[in-house]
């Protein structure tokens, strides 16, 4: 049974490292910020999960396994939020070509927010 778990862990590690390599190639290939955010976030989360699962199958220590499960959970929680915030910051600083976007809801929100900011009274 130990040999089966070791081989399965090695397969998970190879798959995780392959996804990391694909994400690195995508970062070099895609020119714009939004595409780079997508390619950096999606495969990286899955590759981290595959690598941690492979390491847990090889190590087989309950303390290490629970630590890896916590790292996976925090990564699943924080990666979409951080990618979203970085994309919004890139959009606000003009790094995103808004003409290439199919739907651009943020432009309306920023325009409405800017016009409301002009109408505030400055009595504070």
PDB file of N, CA and C in Angstrom:
ATOM      1  N   UNK A   1       0.819  -1.198   0.000  1.00  0.00           N
ATOM      2  CA  UNK A   1       0.000   0.000   0.000  1.00  0.00           C
ATOM      3  C   UNK A   1       0.866   1.266   0.000  1.00  0.00           C
ATOM      4  N   UNK A   2       2.011   1.202   0.681  1.00  0.00           N
ATOM      5  CA  UNK A   2       2.898   2.366   0.725  1.00  0.00           C
ATOM      6  C   UNK A   2       3.433   2.706  -0.664  1.00  0.00           C
ATOM      7  N   UNK A   3       3.760   1.687  -1.439  1.00  0.00           N
ATOM      8  CA  UNK A   3       4.266   1.939  -2.791  1.00  0.00           C
ATOM      9  C   UNK A   3       3.207   2.588  -3.673  1.00  0.00           C
ATOM     10  N   UNK A   4       1.964   2.176  -3.516  1.00  0.00           N
ATOM     11  CA  UNK A   4       0.870   2.751  -4.309  1.00  0.00           C
ATOM     12  C   UNK A   4       0.696   4.225  -3.955  1.00  0.00           C
ATOM     13  N   UNK A   5       0.730   4.544  -2.658  1.00  0.00           N
ATOM     14  CA  UNK A   5       0.594   5.935  -2.227  1.00  0.00           C
ATOM     15  C   UNK A   5       1.777   6.782  -2.690  1.00  0.00           C
ATOM     16  N   UNK A   6       2.979   6.195  -2.684  1.00  0.00           N
ATOM     17  CA  UNK A   6       4.154   6.923  -3.169  1.00  0.00           C
ATOM     18  C   UNK A   6       4.047   7.231  -4.663  1.00  0.00           C
ATOM     19  N   UNK A   7       3.605   6.252  -5.439  1.00  0.00           N
ATOM     20  CA  UNK A   7       3.455   6.464  -6.883  1.00  0.00           C
ATOM     21  C   UNK A   7       2.344   7.482  -7.153  1.00  0.00           C
ATOM     22  N   UNK A   8       1.239   7.370  -6.443  1.00  0.00           N
ATOM     23  CA  UNK A   8       0.148   8.320  -6.609  1.00  0.00           C
ATOM     24  C   UNK A   8       0.592   9.736  -6.213  1.00  0.00           C
ATOM     25  N   UNK A   9       1.352   9.831  -5.129  1.00  0.00           N
ATOM     26  CA  UNK A   9       1.893  11.133  -4.718  1.00  0.00           C
ATOM     27  C   UNK A   9       2.837  11.710  -5.766  1.00  0.00           C
ATOM     28  N   UNK A  10       3.661  10.871  -6.359  1.00  0.00           N
ATOM     29  CA  UNK A  10       4.579  11.337  -7.407  1.00  0.00           C
ATOM     30  C   UNK A  10       3.805  11.813  -8.636  1.00  0.00           C
ATOM     31  N   UNK A  11       2.725  11.120  -8.969  1.00  0.00           N
ATOM     32  CA  UNK A  11       1.899  11.545 -10.107  1.00  0.00           C
ATOM     33  C   UNK A  11       1.285  12.915  -9.833  1.00  0.00           C
ATOM     34  N   UNK A  12       0.769  13.099  -8.621  1.00  0.00           N
ATOM     35  CA  UNK A  12       0.216  14.403  -8.254  1.00  0.00           C
ATOM     36  C   UNK A  12       1.275  15.501  -8.316  1.00  0.00           C
ATOM     37  N   UNK A  13       2.481  15.192  -7.860  1.00  0.00           N
ATOM     38  CA  UNK A  13       3.554  16.187  -7.901  1.00  0.00           C
ATOM     39  C   UNK A  13       3.933  16.552  -9.335  1.00  0.00           C
ATOM     40  N   UNK A  14       4.004  15.557 -10.205  1.00  0.00           N
ATOM     41  CA  UNK A  14       4.335  15.830 -11.609  1.00  0.00           C
ATOM     42  C   UNK A  14       3.232  16.657 -12.265  1.00  0.00           C
ATOM     43  N   UNK A  15       1.973  16.331 -11.998  1.00  0.00           N
ATOM     44  CA  UNK A  15       0.867  17.106 -12.554  1.00  0.00           C
ATOM     45  C   UNK A  15       0.884  18.545 -12.036  1.00  0.00           C
ATOM     46  N   UNK A  16       1.135  18.717 -10.749  1.00  0.00           N
ATOM     47  CA  UNK A  16       1.191  20.062 -10.174  1.00  0.00           C
ATOM     48  C   UNK A  16       2.329  20.886 -10.749  1.00  0.00           C
ATOM     49  N   UNK A  17       3.493  20.261 -10.895  1.00  0.00           N
ATOM     50  CA  UNK A  17       4.630  20.975 -11.481  1.00  0.00           C
ATOM     51  C   UNK A  17       4.382  21.295 -12.953  1.00  0.00           C
ATOM     52  N   UNK A  18       3.682  20.418 -13.654  1.00  0.00           N
ATOM     53  CA  UNK A  18       3.351  20.684 -15.061  1.00  0.00           C
ATOM     54  C   UNK A  18       2.426  21.892 -15.179  1.00  0.00           C
ATOM     55  N   UNK A  19       1.433  21.980 -14.297  1.00  0.00           N
ATOM     56  CA  UNK A  19       0.542  23.146 -14.322  1.00  0.00           C
ATOM     57  C   UNK A  19       1.287  24.433 -13.968  1.00  0.00           C
ATOM     58  N   UNK A  20       2.232  24.354 -13.057  1.00  0.00           N
ATOM     59  CA  UNK A  20       3.039  25.530 -12.734  1.00  0.00           C
ATOM     60  C   UNK A  20       3.852  25.969 -13.947  1.00  0.00           C
ATOM     61  N   UNK A  21       4.399  25.013 -14.664  1.00  0.00           N
ATOM     62  CA  UNK A  21       5.164  25.331 -15.880  1.00  0.00           C
ATOM     63  C   UNK A  21       4.261  25.952 -16.943  1.00  0.00           C
ATOM     64  N   UNK A  22       3.055  25.406 -17.105  1.00  0.00           N
ATOM     65  CA  UNK A  22       2.110  25.964 -18.074  1.00  0.00           C
ATOM     66  C   UNK A  22       1.742  27.399 -17.705  1.00  0.00           C
ATOM     67  N   UNK A  23       1.532  27.651 -16.424  1.00  0.00           N
ATOM     68  CA  UNK A  23       1.209  29.015 -15.985  1.00  0.00           C
ATOM     69  C   UNK A  23       2.372  29.961 -16.242  1.00  0.00           C
ATOM     70  N   UNK A  24       3.588  29.500 -16.022  1.00  0.00           N
ATOM     71  CA  UNK A  24       4.759  30.350 -16.285  1.00  0.00           C
ATOM     72  C   UNK A  24       4.886  30.652 -17.772  1.00  0.00           C
ATOM     73  N   UNK A  25       4.613  29.667 -18.612  1.00  0.00           N
ATOM     74  CA  UNK A  25       4.637  29.900 -20.055  1.00  0.00           C
ATOM     75  C   UNK A  25       3.547  30.888 -20.467  1.00  0.00           C
ATOM     76  N   UNK A  26       2.392  30.796 -19.845  1.00  0.00           N
ATOM     77  CA  UNK A  26       1.300  31.716 -20.146  1.00  0.00           C
ATOM     78  C   UNK A  26       1.618  33.137 -19.750  1.00  0.00           C
ATOM     79  N   UNK A  27       2.314  33.300 -18.641  1.00  0.00           N
ATOM     80  CA  UNK A  27       2.708  34.650 -18.223  1.00  0.00           C
ATOM     81  C   UNK A  27       3.641  35.289 -19.239  1.00  0.00           C
ATOM     82  N   UNK A  28       4.482  34.487 -19.837  1.00  0.00           N
ATOM     83  CA  UNK A  28       5.392  35.023 -20.847  1.00  0.00           C
ATOM     84  C   UNK A  28       4.689  35.231 -22.182  1.00  0.00           C
ATOM     85  N   UNK A  29       3.623  34.493 -22.437  1.00  0.00           N
ATOM     86  CA  UNK A  29       2.966  34.529 -23.743  1.00  0.00           C
ATOM     87  C   UNK A  29       1.924  35.630 -23.867  1.00  0.00           C
ATOM     88  N   UNK A  30       1.094  35.805 -22.850  1.00  0.00           N
ATOM     89  CA  UNK A  30      -0.018  36.748 -22.955  1.00  0.00           C
ATOM     90  C   UNK A  30       0.437  38.180 -22.705  1.00  0.00           C
ATOM     91  N   UNK A  31      -0.059  39.124 -23.506  1.00  0.00           N
ATOM     92  CA  UNK A  31       0.454  40.492 -23.423  1.00  0.00           C
ATOM     93  C   UNK A  31      -0.247  41.386 -22.402  1.00  0.00           C
ATOM     94  N   UNK A  32      -1.533  41.158 -22.135  1.00  0.00           N
ATOM     95  CA  UNK A  32      -2.260  42.127 -21.313  1.00  0.00           C
ATOM     96  C   UNK A  32      -2.437  41.644 -19.880  1.00  0.00           C
ATOM     97  N   UNK A  33      -2.766  42.588 -19.016  1.00  0.00           N
ATOM     98  CA  UNK A  33      -2.849  42.330 -17.585  1.00  0.00           C
ATOM     99  C   UNK A  33      -3.945  41.335 -17.229  1.00  0.00           C
ATOM    100  N   UNK A  34      -5.107  41.464 -17.825  1.00  0.00           N
ATOM    101  CA  UNK A  34      -6.227  40.597 -17.468  1.00  0.00           C
ATOM    102  C   UNK A  34      -5.927  39.143 -17.830  1.00  0.00           C
ATOM    103  N   UNK A  35      -5.361  38.923 -18.991  1.00  0.00           N
ATOM    104  CA  UNK A  35      -5.003  37.553 -19.389  1.00  0.00           C
ATOM    105  C   UNK A  35      -3.921  36.990 -18.476  1.00  0.00           C
ATOM    106  N   UNK A  36      -2.980  37.809 -18.111  1.00  0.00           N
ATOM    107  CA  UNK A  36      -1.921  37.341 -17.199  1.00  0.00           C
ATOM    108  C   UNK A  36      -2.479  37.028 -15.819  1.00  0.00           C
ATOM    109  N   UNK A  37      -3.424  37.837 -15.345  1.00  0.00           N
ATOM    110  CA  UNK A  37      -4.057  37.547 -14.056  1.00  0.00           C
ATOM    111  C   UNK A  37      -4.776  36.209 -14.115  1.00  0.00           C
ATOM    112  N   UNK A  38      -5.474  35.961 -15.205  1.00  0.00           N
ATOM    113  CA  UNK A  38      -6.221  34.712 -15.349  1.00  0.00           C
ATOM    114  C   UNK A  38      -5.277  33.515 -15.358  1.00  0.00           C
ATOM    115  N   UNK A  39      -4.229  33.598 -16.164  1.00  0.00           N
ATOM    116  CA  UNK A  39      -3.314  32.469 -16.287  1.00  0.00           C
ATOM    117  C   UNK A  39      -2.468  32.293 -15.018  1.00  0.00           C
ATOM    118  N   UNK A  40      -2.273  33.357 -14.269  1.00  0.00           N
ATOM    119  CA  UNK A  40      -1.499  33.227 -13.032  1.00  0.00           C
ATOM    120  C   UNK A  40      -2.329  32.668 -11.888  1.00  0.00           C
ATOM    121  N   UNK A  41      -3.622  32.920 -11.905  1.00  0.00           N
ATOM    122  CA  UNK A  41      -4.463  32.515 -10.778  1.00  0.00           C
ATOM    123  C   UNK A  41      -5.029  31.112 -10.935  1.00  0.00           C
ATOM    124  N   UNK A  42      -5.641  30.828 -12.068  1.00  0.00           N
ATOM    125  CA  UNK A  42      -6.358  29.559 -12.221  1.00  0.00           C
ATOM    126  C   UNK A  42      -5.446  28.332 -12.123  1.00  0.00           C
ATOM    127  N   UNK A  43      -4.407  28.202 -12.957  1.00  0.00           N
ATOM    128  CA  UNK A  43      -3.593  26.990 -12.856  1.00  0.00           C
ATOM    129  C   UNK A  43      -2.754  26.942 -11.575  1.00  0.00           C
ATOM    130  N   UNK A  44      -2.389  28.091 -11.051  1.00  0.00           N
ATOM    131  CA  UNK A  44      -1.545  28.087  -9.866  1.00  0.00           C
ATOM    132  C   UNK A  44      -2.265  27.518  -8.650  1.00  0.00           C
ATOM    133  N   UNK A  45      -3.542  27.832  -8.508  1.00  0.00           N
ATOM    134  CA  UNK A  45      -4.298  27.293  -7.376  1.00  0.00           C
ATOM    135  C   UNK A  45      -4.406  25.777  -7.498  1.00  0.00           C
ATOM    136  N   UNK A  46      -4.745  25.306  -8.688  1.00  0.00           N
ATOM    137  CA  UNK A  46      -4.856  23.856  -8.886  1.00  0.00           C
ATOM    138  C   UNK A  46      -3.500  23.174  -8.745  1.00  0.00           C
ATOM    139  N   UNK A  47      -2.436  23.806  -9.240  1.00  0.00           N
ATOM    140  CA  UNK A  47      -1.120  23.181  -9.116  1.00  0.00           C
ATOM    141  C   UNK A  47      -0.668  23.123  -7.660  1.00  0.00           C
ATOM    142  N   UNK A  48      -0.994  24.157  -6.882  1.00  0.00           N
ATOM    143  CA  UNK A  48      -0.661  24.107  -5.457  1.00  0.00           C
ATOM    144  C   UNK A  48      -1.415  22.972  -4.770  1.00  0.00           C
ATOM    145  N   UNK A  49      -2.683  22.820  -5.097  1.00  0.00           N
ATOM    146  CA  UNK A  49      -3.475  21.744  -4.495  1.00  0.00           C
ATOM    147  C   UNK A  49      -2.916  20.379  -4.890  1.00  0.00           C
ATOM    148  N   UNK A  50      -2.559  20.224  -6.162  1.00  0.00           N
ATOM    149  CA  UNK A  50      -1.982  18.946  -6.599  1.00  0.00           C
ATOM    150  C   UNK A  50      -0.640  18.675  -5.922  1.00  0.00           C
ATOM    151  N   UNK A  51       0.205  19.707  -5.820  1.00  0.00           N
ATOM    152  CA  UNK A  51       1.507  19.518  -5.169  1.00  0.00           C
ATOM    153  C   UNK A  51       1.360  19.197  -3.688  1.00  0.00           C
ATOM    154  N   UNK A  52       0.471  19.880  -3.008  1.00  0.00           N
ATOM    155  CA  UNK A  52       0.282  19.605  -1.585  1.00  0.00           C
ATOM    156  C   UNK A  52      -0.352  18.236  -1.357  1.00  0.00           C
ATOM    157  N   UNK A  53      -1.259  17.843  -2.235  1.00  0.00           N
ATOM    158  CA  UNK A  53      -1.849  16.502  -2.122  1.00  0.00           C
ATOM    159  C   UNK A  53      -0.790  15.432  -2.364  1.00  0.00           C
ATOM    160  N   UNK A  54       0.050  15.647  -3.364  1.00  0.00           N
ATOM    161  CA  UNK A  54       1.135  14.697  -3.628  1.00  0.00           C
ATOM    162  C   UNK A  54       2.100  14.601  -2.462  1.00  0.00           C
ATOM    163  N   UNK A  55       2.440  15.753  -1.877  1.00  0.00           N
ATOM    164  CA  UNK A  55       3.342  15.733  -0.720  1.00  0.00           C
ATOM    165  C   UNK A  55       2.692  15.045   0.473  1.00  0.00           C
ATOM    166  N   UNK A  56       1.390  15.268   0.671  1.00  0.00           N
ATOM    167  CA  UNK A  56       0.693  14.607   1.778  1.00  0.00           C
ATOM    168  C   UNK A  56       0.644  13.096   1.586  1.00  0.00           C
ATOM    169  N   UNK A  57       0.474  12.652   0.339  1.00  0.00           N
ATOM    170  CA  UNK A  57       0.455  11.209   0.079  1.00  0.00           C
ATOM    171  C   UNK A  57       1.829  10.579   0.291  1.00  0.00           C
ATOM    172  N   UNK A  58       2.876  11.329   0.032  1.00  0.00           N
ATOM    173  CA  UNK A  58       4.223  10.785   0.222  1.00  0.00           C
ATOM    174  C   UNK A  58       4.642  10.836   1.682  1.00  0.00           C
ATOM    175  N   UNK A  59       4.372  11.946   2.355  1.00  0.00           N
ATOM    176  CA  UNK A  59       4.813  12.117   3.749  1.00  0.00           C
ATOM    177  C   UNK A  59       3.972  11.282   4.704  1.00  0.00           C
ATOM    178  N   UNK A  60       2.659  11.316   4.558  1.00  0.00           N
ATOM    179  CA  UNK A  60       1.705  10.556   5.384  1.00  0.00           C
ATOM    180  C   UNK A  60       1.854  10.818   6.883  1.00  0.00           C
ATOM    181  N   UNK A  61       1.962  12.083   7.230  1.00  0.00           N
ATOM    182  CA  UNK A  61       1.989  12.498   8.627  1.00  0.00           C
ATOM    183  C   UNK A  61       0.761  13.371   8.853  1.00  0.00           C
ATOM    184  N   UNK A  62      -0.016  13.072   9.881  1.00  0.00           N
ATOM    185  CA  UNK A  62      -1.291  13.772  10.075  1.00  0.00           C
ATOM    186  C   UNK A  62      -1.104  15.269  10.328  1.00  0.00           C
ATOM    187  N   UNK A  63      -0.071  15.650  11.040  1.00  0.00           N
ATOM    188  CA  UNK A  63       0.175  17.075  11.299  1.00  0.00           C
ATOM    189  C   UNK A  63       0.484  17.812  10.004  1.00  0.00           C
ATOM    190  N   UNK A  64       1.321  17.227   9.179  1.00  0.00           N
ATOM    191  CA  UNK A  64       1.656  17.840   7.890  1.00  0.00           C
ATOM    192  C   UNK A  64       0.437  17.879   6.975  1.00  0.00           C
ATOM    193  N   UNK A  65      -0.345  16.825   6.985  1.00  0.00           N
ATOM    194  CA  UNK A  65      -1.523  16.759   6.120  1.00  0.00           C
ATOM    195  C   UNK A  65      -2.524  17.844   6.487  1.00  0.00           C
ATOM    196  N   UNK A  66      -2.795  18.022   7.773  1.00  0.00           N
ATOM    197  CA  UNK A  66      -3.743  19.062   8.183  1.00  0.00           C
ATOM    198  C   UNK A  66      -3.210  20.464   7.895  1.00  0.00           C
ATOM    199  N   UNK A  67      -1.915  20.628   8.014  1.00  0.00           N
ATOM    200  CA  UNK A  67      -1.320  21.921   7.660  1.00  0.00           C
ATOM    201  C   UNK A  67      -1.497  22.191   6.164  1.00  0.00           C
ATOM    202  N   UNK A  68      -1.292  21.169   5.356  1.00  0.00           N
ATOM    203  CA  UNK A  68      -1.471  21.325   3.909  1.00  0.00           C
ATOM    204  C   UNK A  68      -2.929  21.583   3.548  1.00  0.00           C
ATOM    205  N   UNK A  69      -3.852  20.960   4.260  1.00  0.00           N
ATOM    206  CA  UNK A  69      -5.280  21.211   4.021  1.00  0.00           C
ATOM    207  C   UNK A  69      -5.614  22.666   4.360  1.00  0.00           C
ATOM    208  N   UNK A  70      -5.057  23.183   5.439  1.00  0.00           N
ATOM    209  CA  UNK A  70      -5.284  24.592   5.789  1.00  0.00           C
ATOM    210  C   UNK A  70      -4.709  25.528   4.731  1.00  0.00           C
ATOM    211  N   UNK A  71      -3.515  25.224   4.238  1.00  0.00           N
ATOM    212  CA  UNK A  71      -2.909  26.046   3.181  1.00  0.00           C
ATOM    213  C   UNK A  71      -3.790  26.028   1.934  1.00  0.00           C
ATOM    214  N   UNK A  72      -4.322  24.853   1.587  1.00  0.00           N
ATOM    215  CA  UNK A  72      -5.223  24.752   0.428  1.00  0.00           C
ATOM    216  C   UNK A  72      -6.470  25.605   0.636  1.00  0.00           C
ATOM    217  N   UNK A  73      -7.054  25.519   1.820  1.00  0.00           N
ATOM    218  CA  UNK A  73      -8.277  26.278   2.093  1.00  0.00           C
ATOM    219  C   UNK A  73      -8.018  27.782   2.016  1.00  0.00           C
ATOM    220  N   UNK A  74      -6.934  28.240   2.638  1.00  0.00           N
ATOM    221  CA  UNK A  74      -6.631  29.670   2.583  1.00  0.00           C
ATOM    222  C   UNK A  74      -6.307  30.124   1.167  1.00  0.00           C
ATOM    223  N   UNK A  75      -5.681  29.271   0.391  1.00  0.00           N
ATOM    224  CA  UNK A  75      -5.387  29.614  -1.004  1.00  0.00           C
ATOM    225  C   UNK A  75      -6.682  29.724  -1.807  1.00  0.00           C
ATOM    226  N   UNK A  76      -7.603  28.800  -1.596  1.00  0.00           N
ATOM    227  CA  UNK A  76      -8.885  28.854  -2.303  1.00  0.00           C
ATOM    228  C   UNK A  76      -9.696  30.086  -1.919  1.00  0.00           C
ATOM    229  N   UNK A  77      -9.549  30.531  -0.685  1.00  0.00           N
ATOM    230  CA  UNK A  77     -10.264  31.724  -0.232  1.00  0.00           C
ATOM    231  C   UNK A  77      -9.593  32.993  -0.741  1.00  0.00           C
ATOM    232  N   UNK A  78      -8.281  33.061  -0.661  1.00  0.00           N
ATOM    233  CA  UNK A  78      -7.591  34.324  -0.929  1.00  0.00           C
ATOM    234  C   UNK A  78      -7.224  34.560  -2.387  1.00  0.00           C
ATOM    235  N   UNK A  79      -7.019  33.538  -3.179  1.00  0.00           N
ATOM    236  CA  UNK A  79      -6.583  33.738  -4.571  1.00  0.00           C
ATOM    237  C   UNK A  79      -7.604  34.486  -5.430  1.00  0.00           C
ATOM    238  N   UNK A  80      -8.885  34.130  -5.393  1.00  0.00           N
ATOM    239  CA  UNK A  80      -9.833  34.896  -6.209  1.00  0.00           C
ATOM    240  C   UNK A  80      -9.969  36.349  -5.755  1.00  0.00           C
ATOM    241  N   UNK A  81      -9.909  36.574  -4.459  1.00  0.00           N
ATOM    242  CA  UNK A  81     -10.044  37.937  -3.936  1.00  0.00           C
ATOM    243  C   UNK A  81      -8.843  38.779  -4.334  1.00  0.00           C
ATOM    244  N   UNK A  82      -7.656  38.234  -4.193  1.00  0.00           N
ATOM    245  CA  UNK A  82      -6.465  39.015  -4.543  1.00  0.00           C
ATOM    246  C   UNK A  82      -6.383  39.255  -6.048  1.00  0.00           C
ATOM    247  N   UNK A  83      -6.765  38.274  -6.856  1.00  0.00           N
ATOM    248  CA  UNK A  83      -6.766  38.474  -8.305  1.00  0.00           C
ATOM    249  C   UNK A  83      -7.778  39.537  -8.706  1.00  0.00           C
ATOM    250  N   UNK A  84      -8.929  39.531  -8.054  1.00  0.00           N
ATOM    251  CA  UNK A  84      -9.955  40.541  -8.331  1.00  0.00           C
ATOM    252  C   UNK A  84      -9.454  41.939  -7.970  1.00  0.00           C
ATOM    253  N   UNK A  85      -8.849  42.071  -6.827  1.00  0.00           N
ATOM    254  CA  UNK A  85      -8.369  43.387  -6.397  1.00  0.00           C
ATOM    255  C   UNK A  85      -7.210  43.870  -7.266  1.00  0.00           C
ATOM    256  N   UNK A  86      -6.327  42.976  -7.672  1.00  0.00           N
ATOM    257  CA  UNK A  86      -5.239  43.377  -8.560  1.00  0.00           C
ATOM    258  C   UNK A  86      -5.765  43.780  -9.940  1.00  0.00           C
ATOM    259  N   UNK A  87      -6.774  43.083 -10.420  1.00  0.00           N
ATOM    260  CA  UNK A  87      -7.364  43.447 -11.708  1.00  0.00           C
ATOM    261  C   UNK A  87      -8.053  44.801 -11.637  1.00  0.00           C
ATOM    262  N   UNK A  88      -8.762  45.067 -10.553  1.00  0.00           N
ATOM    263  CA  UNK A  88      -9.411  46.379 -10.389  1.00  0.00           C
ATOM    264  C   UNK A  88      -8.369  47.488 -10.307  1.00  0.00           C
ATOM    265  N   UNK A  89      -7.296  47.237  -9.590  1.00  0.00           N
ATOM    266  CA  UNK A  89      -6.236  48.249  -9.495  1.00  0.00           C
ATOM    267  C   UNK A  89      -5.604  48.481 -10.864  1.00  0.00           C
ATOM    268  N   UNK A  90      -5.398  47.426 -11.625  1.00  0.00           N
ATOM    269  CA  UNK A  90      -4.858  47.573 -12.973  1.00  0.00           C
ATOM    270  C   UNK A  90      -5.795  48.343 -13.880  1.00  0.00           C
ATOM    271  N   UNK A  91      -7.095  48.104 -13.730  1.00  0.00           N
ATOM    272  CA  UNK A  91      -8.076  48.822 -14.539  1.00  0.00           C
ATOM    273  C   UNK A  91      -8.080  50.307 -14.180  1.00  0.00           C
ATOM    274  N   UNK A  92      -8.056  50.591 -12.890  1.00  0.00           N
ATOM    275  CA  UNK A  92      -8.100  51.995 -12.446  1.00  0.00           C
ATOM    276  C   UNK A  92      -6.846  52.772 -12.817  1.00  0.00           C
ATOM    277  N   UNK A  93      -5.734  52.102 -12.951  1.00  0.00           N
ATOM    278  CA  UNK A  93      -4.490  52.790 -13.313  1.00  0.00           C
ATOM    279  C   UNK A  93      -4.261  52.815 -14.811  1.00  0.00           C
ATOM    280  N   UNK A  94      -5.211  52.292 -15.586  1.00  0.00           N
ATOM    281  CA  UNK A  94      -5.112  52.361 -17.038  1.00  0.00           C
ATOM    282  C   UNK A  94      -4.277  51.275 -17.676  1.00  0.00           C
ATOM    283  N   UNK A  95      -4.006  50.199 -16.976  1.00  0.00           N
ATOM    284  CA  UNK A  95      -3.211  49.105 -17.531  1.00  0.00           C
ATOM    285  C   UNK A  95      -4.046  48.102 -18.326  1.00  0.00           C
ATOM    286  N   UNK A  96      -5.378  48.241 -18.279  1.00  0.00           N
ATOM    287  CA  UNK A  96      -6.274  47.330 -18.988  1.00  0.00           C
ATOM    288  C   UNK A  96      -6.841  48.063 -20.196  1.00  0.00           C
ATOM    289  N   UNK A  97      -6.779  47.414 -21.357  1.00  0.00           N
ATOM    290  CA  UNK A  97      -7.363  47.967 -22.570  1.00  0.00           C
ATOM    291  C   UNK A  97      -8.864  47.725 -22.520  1.00  0.00           C
ATOM    292  N   UNK A  98      -9.630  48.745 -22.127  1.00  0.00           N
ATOM    293  CA  UNK A  98     -11.070  48.568 -21.948  1.00  0.00           C
ATOM    294  C   UNK A  98     -11.794  48.355 -23.273  1.00  0.00           C
ATOM    295  N   UNK A  99     -11.189  48.708 -24.396  1.00  0.00           N
ATOM    296  CA  UNK A  99     -11.838  48.460 -25.686  1.00  0.00           C
ATOM    297  C   UNK A  99     -11.850  46.968 -26.037  1.00  0.00           C
ATOM    298  N   UNK A 100     -10.984  46.194 -25.423  1.00  0.00           N
ATOM    299  CA  UNK A 100     -10.930  44.760 -25.688  1.00  0.00           C
ATOM    300  C   UNK A 100     -11.908  43.968 -24.812  1.00  0.00           C
ATOM    301  N   UNK A 101     -12.521  44.619 -23.836  1.00  0.00           N
ATOM    302  CA  UNK A 101     -13.444  43.938 -22.938  1.00  0.00           C
ATOM    303  C   UNK A 101     -14.813  43.799 -23.590  1.00  0.00           C
ATOM    304  N   UNK A 102     -15.453  42.659 -23.402  1.00  0.00           N
ATOM    305  CA  UNK A 102     -16.795  42.436 -23.939  1.00  0.00           C
ATOM    306  C   UNK A 102     -17.820  43.176 -23.080  1.00  0.00           C
ATOM    307  N   UNK A 103     -17.714  43.040 -21.780  1.00  0.00           N
ATOM    308  CA  UNK A 103     -18.586  43.730 -20.839  1.00  0.00           C
ATOM    309  C   UNK A 103     -17.696  44.554 -19.923  1.00  0.00           C
ATOM    310  N   UNK A 104     -18.036  45.822 -19.743  1.00  0.00           N
ATOM    311  CA  UNK A 104     -17.219  46.723 -18.927  1.00  0.00           C
ATOM    312  C   UNK A 104     -18.106  47.431 -17.908  1.00  0.00           C
ATOM    313  N   UNK A 105     -18.519  46.709 -16.873  1.00  0.00           N
ATOM    314  CA  UNK A 105     -19.368  47.291 -15.837  1.00  0.00           C
ATOM    315  C   UNK A 105     -18.600  48.245 -14.936  1.00  0.00           C
ATOM    316  N   UNK A 106     -17.323  48.039 -14.791  1.00  0.00           N
ATOM    317  CA  UNK A 106     -16.547  48.880 -13.892  1.00  0.00           C
ATOM    318  C   UNK A 106     -16.439  50.312 -14.410  1.00  0.00           C
ATOM    319  N   UNK A 107     -16.445  50.497 -15.714  1.00  0.00           N
ATOM    320  CA  UNK A 107     -16.368  51.843 -16.276  1.00  0.00           C
ATOM    321  C   UNK A 107     -17.569  52.685 -15.829  1.00  0.00           C
ATOM    322  N   UNK A 108     -18.772  52.077 -15.877  1.00  0.00           N
ATOM    323  CA  UNK A 108     -19.968  52.787 -15.420  1.00  0.00           C
ATOM    324  C   UNK A 108     -19.895  53.091 -13.934  1.00  0.00           C
ATOM    325  N   UNK A 109     -19.455  52.129 -13.145  1.00  0.00           N
ATOM    326  CA  UNK A 109     -19.354  52.342 -11.698  1.00  0.00           C
ATOM    327  C   UNK A 109     -18.373  53.462 -11.368  1.00  0.00           C
ATOM    328  N   UNK A 110     -17.239  53.482 -12.042  1.00  0.00           N
ATOM    329  CA  UNK A 110     -16.259  54.532 -11.797  1.00  0.00           C
ATOM    330  C   UNK A 110     -16.770  55.883 -12.256  1.00  0.00           C
ATOM    331  N   UNK A 111     -17.497  55.905 -13.367  1.00  0.00           N
ATOM    332  CA  UNK A 111     -18.041  57.152 -13.888  1.00  0.00           C
ATOM    333  C   UNK A 111     -19.102  57.711 -12.936  1.00  0.00           C
ATOM    334  N   UNK A 112     -19.988  56.852 -12.430  1.00  0.00           N
ATOM    335  CA  UNK A 112     -21.021  57.279 -11.487  1.00  0.00           C
ATOM    336  C   UNK A 112     -20.381  57.727 -10.178  1.00  0.00           C
ATOM    337  N   UNK A 113     -19.386  56.993  -9.718  1.00  0.00           N
ATOM    338  CA  UNK A 113     -18.698  57.362  -8.475  1.00  0.00           C
ATOM    339  C   UNK A 113     -17.988  58.694  -8.592  1.00  0.00           C
ATOM    340  N   UNK A 114     -17.391  58.962  -9.738  1.00  0.00           N
ATOM    341  CA  UNK A 114     -16.685  60.235  -9.935  1.00  0.00           C
ATOM    342  C   UNK A 114     -17.672  61.392  -9.990  1.00  0.00           C
ATOM    343  N   UNK A 115     -18.825  61.182 -10.626  1.00  0.00           N
ATOM    344  CA  UNK A 115     -19.793  62.269 -10.710  1.00  0.00           C
ATOM    345  C   UNK A 115     -20.437  62.529  -9.353  1.00  0.00           C
ATOM    346  N   UNK A 116     -20.624  61.520  -8.533  1.00  0.00           N
ATOM    347  CA  UNK A 116     -21.155  61.726  -7.192  1.00  0.00           C
ATOM    348  C   UNK A 116     -20.145  62.423  -6.304  1.00  0.00           C
ATOM    349  N   UNK A 117     -18.874  62.152  -6.543  1.00  0.00           N
ATOM    350  CA  UNK A 117     -17.830  62.806  -5.769  1.00  0.00           C
ATOM    351  C   UNK A 117     -17.764  64.291  -6.054  1.00  0.00           C
ATOM    352  N   UNK A 118     -18.109  64.691  -7.283  1.00  0.00           N
ATOM    353  CA  UNK A 118     -18.120  66.107  -7.637  1.00  0.00           C
ATOM    354  C   UNK A 118     -19.295  66.830  -6.999  1.00  0.00           C
ATOM    355  N   UNK A 119     -20.381  66.125  -6.709  1.00  0.00           N
ATOM    356  CA  UNK A 119     -21.595  66.754  -6.190  1.00  0.00           C
ATOM    357  C   UNK A 119     -21.627  66.829  -4.666  1.00  0.00           C
ATOM    358  N   UNK A 120     -20.656  66.261  -3.988  1.00  0.00           N
ATOM    359  CA  UNK A 120     -20.641  66.301  -2.515  1.00  0.00           C
ATOM    360  C   UNK A 120     -20.316  67.701  -2.054  1.00  0.00           C
ATOM    361  N   UNK A 121     -20.935  68.072  -0.942  1.00  0.00           N
ATOM    362  CA  UNK A 121     -20.529  69.362  -0.386  1.00  0.00           C
ATOM    363  C   UNK A 121     -19.323  69.165   0.493  1.00  0.00           C
ATOM    364  N   UNK A 122     -18.441  70.075   0.492  1.00  0.00           N
ATOM    365  CA  UNK A 122     -17.167  69.950   1.204  1.00  0.00           C
ATOM    366  C   UNK A 122     -17.202  70.664   2.540  1.00  0.00           C
ATOM    367  N   UNK A 123     -18.196  70.335   3.374  1.00  0.00           N
ATOM    368  CA  UNK A 123     -18.315  70.977   4.674  1.00  0.00           C
ATOM    369  C   UNK A 123     -17.568  70.240   5.761  1.00  0.00           C
ATOM    370  N   UNK A 124     -16.963  69.113   5.445  1.00  0.00           N
ATOM    371  CA  UNK A 124     -16.261  68.314   6.464  1.00  0.00           C
ATOM    372  C   UNK A 124     -14.993  68.991   6.851  1.00  0.00           C
TER     373      UNK A 124
END
